[in-house]
């Protein structure tokens, strides 16, 4: 029972940090273009590198 006095506040803090990181990433534009990078990988690049 004493472990709950540590685990419940600790889990609330962990969830709070996870929400803070998620909303910070959403506000900075991290999730704006989800399809662009996937299509860019498939495009052929004929620059003649290696």
N, C-alpha and C. Protein backbone atom coordinates (compact mmCIF):
# COMPACT_ATOMS: atom_id res chain seq x y z
N UNK A 1 0.82 -1.19 0.00
CA UNK A 1 0.00 0.00 0.00
C UNK A 1 0.87 1.26 0.00
N UNK A 2 2.03 1.18 0.66
CA UNK A 2 2.90 2.34 0.70
C UNK A 2 3.49 2.66 -0.67
N UNK A 3 3.58 1.64 -1.50
CA UNK A 3 4.13 1.87 -2.85
C UNK A 3 3.22 2.77 -3.67
N UNK A 4 1.92 2.73 -3.41
CA UNK A 4 0.98 3.58 -4.15
C UNK A 4 1.23 5.06 -3.89
N UNK A 5 1.72 5.40 -2.70
CA UNK A 5 2.02 6.80 -2.38
C UNK A 5 3.16 7.33 -3.24
N UNK A 6 3.99 6.46 -3.76
CA UNK A 6 5.06 6.85 -4.66
C UNK A 6 4.65 6.70 -6.12
N UNK A 7 3.97 5.59 -6.45
CA UNK A 7 3.68 5.28 -7.85
C UNK A 7 2.61 6.17 -8.46
N UNK A 8 1.58 6.53 -7.71
CA UNK A 8 0.51 7.36 -8.27
C UNK A 8 1.02 8.76 -8.63
N UNK A 9 1.69 9.48 -7.74
CA UNK A 9 2.22 10.79 -8.16
C UNK A 9 3.28 10.68 -9.25
N UNK A 10 4.08 9.63 -9.21
CA UNK A 10 5.09 9.45 -10.25
C UNK A 10 4.45 9.22 -11.61
N UNK A 11 3.38 8.45 -11.67
CA UNK A 11 2.70 8.21 -12.94
C UNK A 11 2.01 9.48 -13.44
N UNK A 12 1.48 10.29 -12.54
CA UNK A 12 0.87 11.56 -12.94
C UNK A 12 1.93 12.48 -13.53
N UNK A 13 3.11 12.50 -12.94
CA UNK A 13 4.19 13.33 -13.47
C UNK A 13 4.64 12.83 -14.84
N UNK A 14 4.76 11.52 -15.01
CA UNK A 14 5.18 10.96 -16.30
C UNK A 14 4.16 11.27 -17.39
N UNK A 15 2.88 11.14 -17.08
CA UNK A 15 1.83 11.47 -18.06
C UNK A 15 1.87 12.96 -18.38
N UNK A 16 2.09 13.79 -17.39
CA UNK A 16 2.18 15.23 -17.62
C UNK A 16 3.34 15.59 -18.53
N UNK A 17 4.49 14.97 -18.32
CA UNK A 17 5.65 15.22 -19.17
C UNK A 17 5.39 14.74 -20.60
N UNK A 18 4.75 13.58 -20.74
CA UNK A 18 4.45 13.06 -22.08
C UNK A 18 3.49 13.98 -22.82
N UNK A 19 2.48 14.50 -22.13
CA UNK A 19 1.54 15.44 -22.76
C UNK A 19 2.23 16.74 -23.13
N UNK A 20 3.12 17.21 -22.27
CA UNK A 20 3.85 18.44 -22.55
C UNK A 20 4.72 18.29 -23.80
N UNK A 21 5.40 17.14 -23.91
CA UNK A 21 6.25 16.89 -25.09
C UNK A 21 5.38 16.77 -26.34
N UNK A 22 4.25 16.08 -26.25
CA UNK A 22 3.39 15.90 -27.42
C UNK A 22 2.84 17.23 -27.90
N UNK A 23 2.28 18.03 -27.00
CA UNK A 23 1.70 19.30 -27.42
C UNK A 23 2.78 20.30 -27.86
N UNK A 24 3.96 20.21 -27.28
CA UNK A 24 5.06 21.04 -27.76
C UNK A 24 5.46 20.70 -29.18
N UNK A 25 5.48 19.42 -29.49
CA UNK A 25 5.81 18.99 -30.86
C UNK A 25 4.70 19.37 -31.83
N UNK A 26 3.46 19.28 -31.39
CA UNK A 26 2.34 19.64 -32.27
C UNK A 26 2.33 21.13 -32.56
N UNK A 27 2.66 21.95 -31.58
CA UNK A 27 2.67 23.40 -31.80
C UNK A 27 3.85 23.84 -32.66
N UNK A 28 4.94 23.10 -32.64
CA UNK A 28 6.11 23.49 -33.42
C UNK A 28 6.02 23.03 -34.87
N UNK A 29 4.97 22.31 -35.23
CA UNK A 29 4.80 21.90 -36.62
C UNK A 29 5.36 20.54 -36.93
N UNK A 30 5.63 19.74 -35.95
CA UNK A 30 6.22 18.42 -36.16
C UNK A 30 5.31 17.52 -36.99
N UNK A 31 4.00 17.65 -36.84
CA UNK A 31 3.06 16.74 -37.48
C UNK A 31 2.31 17.40 -38.64
N UNK A 32 2.86 18.46 -39.22
CA UNK A 32 2.15 19.17 -40.28
C UNK A 32 2.10 18.37 -41.58
N UNK A 33 3.21 17.84 -42.02
CA UNK A 33 3.27 17.13 -43.30
C UNK A 33 3.70 15.70 -43.05
N UNK A 34 2.73 14.80 -42.97
CA UNK A 34 3.06 13.40 -42.69
C UNK A 34 3.31 12.60 -43.96
N UNK A 35 2.83 13.07 -45.13
CA UNK A 35 2.97 12.30 -46.36
C UNK A 35 4.16 12.74 -47.21
N UNK A 36 4.61 13.96 -47.08
CA UNK A 36 5.69 14.48 -47.91
C UNK A 36 6.98 13.68 -47.83
N UNK A 37 7.52 13.42 -46.64
CA UNK A 37 8.76 12.65 -46.56
C UNK A 37 8.63 11.23 -47.10
N UNK A 38 7.45 10.63 -46.97
CA UNK A 38 7.27 9.27 -47.49
C UNK A 38 7.32 9.26 -49.01
N UNK A 39 6.75 10.27 -49.66
CA UNK A 39 6.80 10.34 -51.12
C UNK A 39 8.18 10.75 -51.62
N UNK A 40 8.90 11.55 -50.83
CA UNK A 40 10.23 11.99 -51.24
C UNK A 40 11.20 10.82 -51.32
N UNK A 41 11.00 9.80 -50.48
CA UNK A 41 11.86 8.62 -50.52
C UNK A 41 11.66 7.86 -51.83
N UNK A 42 10.44 7.86 -52.34
CA UNK A 42 10.13 7.09 -53.54
C UNK A 42 10.53 7.79 -54.84
N UNK A 43 10.78 9.07 -54.80
CA UNK A 43 11.12 9.80 -56.02
C UNK A 43 12.54 9.46 -56.46
N UNK A 44 12.72 9.36 -57.78
CA UNK A 44 14.02 9.02 -58.34
C UNK A 44 14.90 10.25 -58.38
N UNK A 45 16.12 10.13 -57.95
CA UNK A 45 17.06 11.24 -57.93
C UNK A 45 18.18 10.92 -58.92
N UNK A 46 18.24 11.65 -60.03
CA UNK A 46 19.22 11.38 -61.08
C UNK A 46 20.37 12.36 -61.06
N UNK A 47 20.94 12.61 -59.90
CA UNK A 47 22.07 13.52 -59.82
C UNK A 47 23.39 12.81 -60.12
N UNK A 48 23.41 11.51 -60.20
CA UNK A 48 24.62 10.76 -60.54
C UNK A 48 25.64 10.71 -59.44
N UNK A 49 25.23 10.59 -58.23
CA UNK A 49 26.14 10.56 -57.07
C UNK A 49 27.11 9.40 -57.12
N UNK A 50 27.04 8.52 -56.20
CA UNK A 50 27.98 7.41 -56.11
C UNK A 50 27.65 6.36 -57.03
